[in-house]
């Protein structure tokens, strides 16, 4: 459970389920329009990807103001990151995106075919390699999902490669270079 969800449950207990639904619908509409009104102020909208956003702001209900940090989209549904008295909710702090890189699928390639691992190191400087990594990272940001993963996984696999987080790829490269 996210911290704001417990606080929102208290709001719902105080004002009722209908009020809670109405408040969430007002916030969702404001997120969609990317603007509020005199009873709903959107101070920040963070775009996670094309389908997922987090809005920070303030909303008035029955004369009482509340601050919120609400995520909405197909990734996690609606998530209440923060809810509470006005000015007492911290804005959403996104985690930096994970950047992916390609490495050989054969985990032992460095030891049993070091010459092929050197070919891989050469590939890393080619335009097709760089473009495939850029495209994969962009597409998984703007259109995440199974089709994107399947498409790029198939493309990488045809060259004997797979995608892993960049830090893990760099560790594998560093280990090869330090052993050589």
Protein backbone atom coordinates (compact mmCIF):
# COMPACT_ATOMS: atom_id res chain seq x y z
CA UNK A 1 0.00 0.00 0.00
CA UNK A 2 1.27 3.47 -0.93
CA UNK A 3 1.49 6.06 1.89
CA UNK A 4 -1.23 8.27 0.42
CA UNK A 5 -3.73 5.42 0.17
CA UNK A 6 -4.04 5.11 3.95
CA UNK A 7 -4.58 8.86 4.26
CA UNK A 8 -7.18 8.77 1.48
CA UNK A 9 -9.01 5.97 3.32
CA UNK A 10 -9.40 8.40 6.25
CA UNK A 11 -10.84 10.98 3.84
CA UNK A 12 -13.28 8.37 2.52
CA UNK A 13 -14.33 7.40 6.06
CA UNK A 14 -14.99 11.04 6.90
CA UNK A 15 -16.81 12.09 3.70
CA UNK A 16 -18.11 8.79 2.29
CA UNK A 17 -17.44 6.64 -0.76
CA UNK A 18 -19.41 8.90 -3.13
CA UNK A 19 -17.31 11.92 -2.16
CA UNK A 20 -14.10 9.91 -2.58
CA UNK A 21 -15.19 8.80 -6.06
CA UNK A 22 -16.19 12.35 -7.01
CA UNK A 23 -12.83 13.75 -5.86
CA UNK A 24 -10.88 11.10 -7.80
CA UNK A 25 -12.97 11.78 -10.92
CA UNK A 26 -12.29 15.52 -10.63
CA UNK A 27 -8.56 14.86 -10.34
CA UNK A 28 -8.63 12.41 -13.28
CA UNK A 29 -10.47 14.95 -15.46
CA UNK A 30 -8.00 17.67 -14.50
CA UNK A 31 -5.10 15.37 -15.34
CA UNK A 32 -6.63 14.63 -18.73
CA UNK A 33 -7.18 18.33 -19.48
CA UNK A 34 -3.88 19.24 -17.76
CA UNK A 35 -5.60 22.09 -15.95
CA UNK A 36 -7.80 22.64 -12.95
CA UNK A 37 -10.21 25.29 -11.75
CA UNK A 38 -10.75 27.46 -8.67
CA UNK A 39 -11.31 24.34 -6.51
CA UNK A 40 -8.62 22.14 -8.09
CA UNK A 41 -5.07 23.26 -8.75
CA UNK A 42 -2.65 21.09 -10.72
CA UNK A 43 0.86 22.22 -9.80
CA UNK A 44 2.80 19.56 -11.70
CA UNK A 45 2.17 16.74 -14.13
CA UNK A 46 4.95 14.22 -14.47
CA UNK A 47 4.78 12.04 -17.59
CA UNK A 48 5.99 8.52 -16.90
CA UNK A 49 5.24 7.46 -20.48
CA UNK A 50 2.55 8.07 -23.08
CA UNK A 51 -0.13 6.31 -21.01
CA UNK A 52 0.93 7.03 -17.42
CA UNK A 53 1.12 10.32 -15.52
CA UNK A 54 1.42 11.61 -11.98
CA UNK A 55 -0.28 14.85 -10.98
CA UNK A 56 0.56 16.90 -7.91
CA UNK A 57 -1.82 19.57 -6.69
CA UNK A 58 -4.46 20.76 -4.31
CA UNK A 59 -8.21 20.14 -4.22
CA UNK A 60 -11.00 21.65 -2.18
CA UNK A 61 -13.83 19.51 -0.82
CA UNK A 62 -16.56 20.92 1.41
CA UNK A 63 -14.45 23.94 2.32
CA UNK A 64 -11.39 21.87 3.25
CA UNK A 65 -8.25 21.84 1.08
CA UNK A 66 -6.15 18.74 0.49
CA UNK A 67 -2.87 18.21 -1.34
CA UNK A 68 -2.37 15.13 -3.50
CA UNK A 69 0.06 13.21 -5.64
CA UNK A 70 -1.93 10.81 -7.84
CA UNK A 71 -0.70 8.42 -10.55
CA UNK A 72 -3.07 7.36 -13.30
CA UNK A 73 -2.61 5.09 -16.31
CA UNK A 74 -2.45 1.55 -17.58
CA UNK A 75 0.76 0.65 -15.75
CA UNK A 76 -0.51 0.68 -12.16
CA UNK A 77 -4.07 1.98 -12.52
CA UNK A 78 -4.78 4.77 -10.06
CA UNK A 79 -2.22 5.06 -7.28
CA UNK A 80 -2.39 7.59 -4.47
CA UNK A 81 1.25 8.44 -3.77
CA UNK A 82 0.31 11.24 -1.43
CA UNK A 83 -2.83 12.65 0.21
CA UNK A 84 -3.23 14.98 3.13
CA UNK A 85 -3.76 18.48 4.44
CA UNK A 86 -2.84 21.25 2.03
CA UNK A 87 0.93 21.85 1.74
CA UNK A 88 1.74 18.70 3.73
CA UNK A 89 2.14 16.32 0.80
CA UNK A 90 5.48 16.03 -0.96
CA UNK A 91 5.42 16.16 -4.74
CA UNK A 92 6.12 13.00 -6.69
CA UNK A 93 9.82 12.28 -7.17
CA UNK A 94 10.20 9.94 -10.13
CA UNK A 95 12.83 7.28 -10.15
CA UNK A 96 15.21 7.71 -13.04
CA UNK A 97 14.34 5.47 -15.96
CA UNK A 98 16.28 2.25 -16.41
CA UNK A 99 18.35 2.49 -19.59
CA UNK A 100 18.90 -0.79 -21.42
CA UNK A 101 21.83 -1.99 -23.48
CA UNK A 102 22.51 -5.16 -25.46
CA UNK A 103 24.90 -7.94 -24.54
CA UNK A 104 25.60 -11.39 -25.99
CA UNK A 105 22.95 -13.95 -25.03
CA UNK A 106 25.69 -16.49 -24.33
CA UNK A 107 26.66 -15.70 -20.74
CA UNK A 108 29.99 -17.54 -21.04
CA UNK A 109 31.03 -16.05 -24.38
CA UNK A 110 33.84 -14.05 -22.77
CA UNK A 111 35.62 -17.17 -21.52
CA UNK A 112 35.03 -19.77 -24.24
CA UNK A 113 35.04 -17.47 -27.31
CA UNK A 114 36.83 -14.23 -26.32
CA UNK A 115 37.39 -13.36 -29.98
CA UNK A 116 33.60 -13.25 -30.46
CA UNK A 117 33.22 -11.02 -27.41
CA UNK A 118 35.72 -8.66 -29.05
CA UNK A 119 33.45 -8.63 -32.14
CA UNK A 120 30.59 -7.67 -29.82
CA UNK A 121 32.71 -4.83 -28.40
CA UNK A 122 33.30 -3.62 -31.96
CA UNK A 123 29.54 -3.81 -32.70
CA UNK A 124 28.87 -1.46 -29.79
CA UNK A 125 30.48 1.35 -31.83
CA UNK A 126 28.44 0.71 -34.97
CA UNK A 127 25.46 2.85 -35.92
CA UNK A 128 22.99 -0.07 -36.13
CA UNK A 129 23.84 -1.12 -32.57
CA UNK A 130 23.51 2.39 -31.15
CA UNK A 131 20.28 3.01 -33.05
CA UNK A 132 18.72 -0.24 -31.87
CA UNK A 133 19.50 0.61 -28.23
CA UNK A 134 18.16 4.17 -28.65
CA UNK A 135 15.00 2.92 -30.35
CA UNK A 136 14.35 0.26 -27.74
CA UNK A 137 14.74 2.68 -24.84
CA UNK A 138 12.53 5.27 -26.54
CA UNK A 139 9.80 2.81 -27.52
CA UNK A 140 9.63 1.17 -24.10
CA UNK A 141 9.12 4.67 -22.67
CA UNK A 142 6.43 5.94 -25.05
CA UNK A 143 4.66 2.68 -25.82
CA UNK A 144 5.49 0.15 -23.14
CA UNK A 145 4.12 -3.34 -23.34
CA UNK A 146 4.46 -6.83 -24.63
CA UNK A 147 4.53 -5.98 -28.34
CA UNK A 148 7.46 -3.58 -27.91
CA UNK A 149 9.37 -6.08 -25.78
CA UNK A 150 8.69 -8.92 -28.21
CA UNK A 151 9.70 -6.87 -31.27
CA UNK A 152 13.06 -5.76 -29.87
CA UNK A 153 13.79 -9.07 -28.18
CA UNK A 154 13.35 -10.82 -31.54
CA UNK A 155 15.59 -8.28 -33.31
CA UNK A 156 18.33 -8.66 -30.70
CA UNK A 157 18.06 -12.45 -30.62
CA UNK A 158 18.68 -12.64 -34.39
CA UNK A 159 22.14 -11.21 -33.69
CA UNK A 160 22.74 -13.37 -30.62
CA UNK A 161 22.05 -10.48 -28.24
CA UNK A 162 19.63 -9.58 -25.46
CA UNK A 163 18.67 -6.42 -23.60
CA UNK A 164 19.72 -5.89 -19.98
CA UNK A 165 20.10 -2.76 -17.81
CA UNK A 166 23.05 -0.63 -18.94
CA UNK A 167 24.82 -0.93 -15.57
CA UNK A 168 24.76 -4.75 -15.82
CA UNK A 169 26.08 -4.62 -19.39
CA UNK A 170 28.90 -2.31 -18.33
CA UNK A 171 29.87 -4.66 -15.48
CA UNK A 172 30.15 -7.53 -17.94
CA UNK A 173 32.31 -5.46 -20.30
CA UNK A 174 34.51 -4.19 -17.47
CA UNK A 175 35.02 -7.73 -16.17
CA UNK A 176 36.12 -8.90 -19.64
CA UNK A 177 38.53 -5.99 -20.08
CA UNK A 178 40.07 -6.41 -16.63
CA UNK A 179 40.58 -10.16 -17.17
CA UNK A 180 42.28 -9.64 -20.54
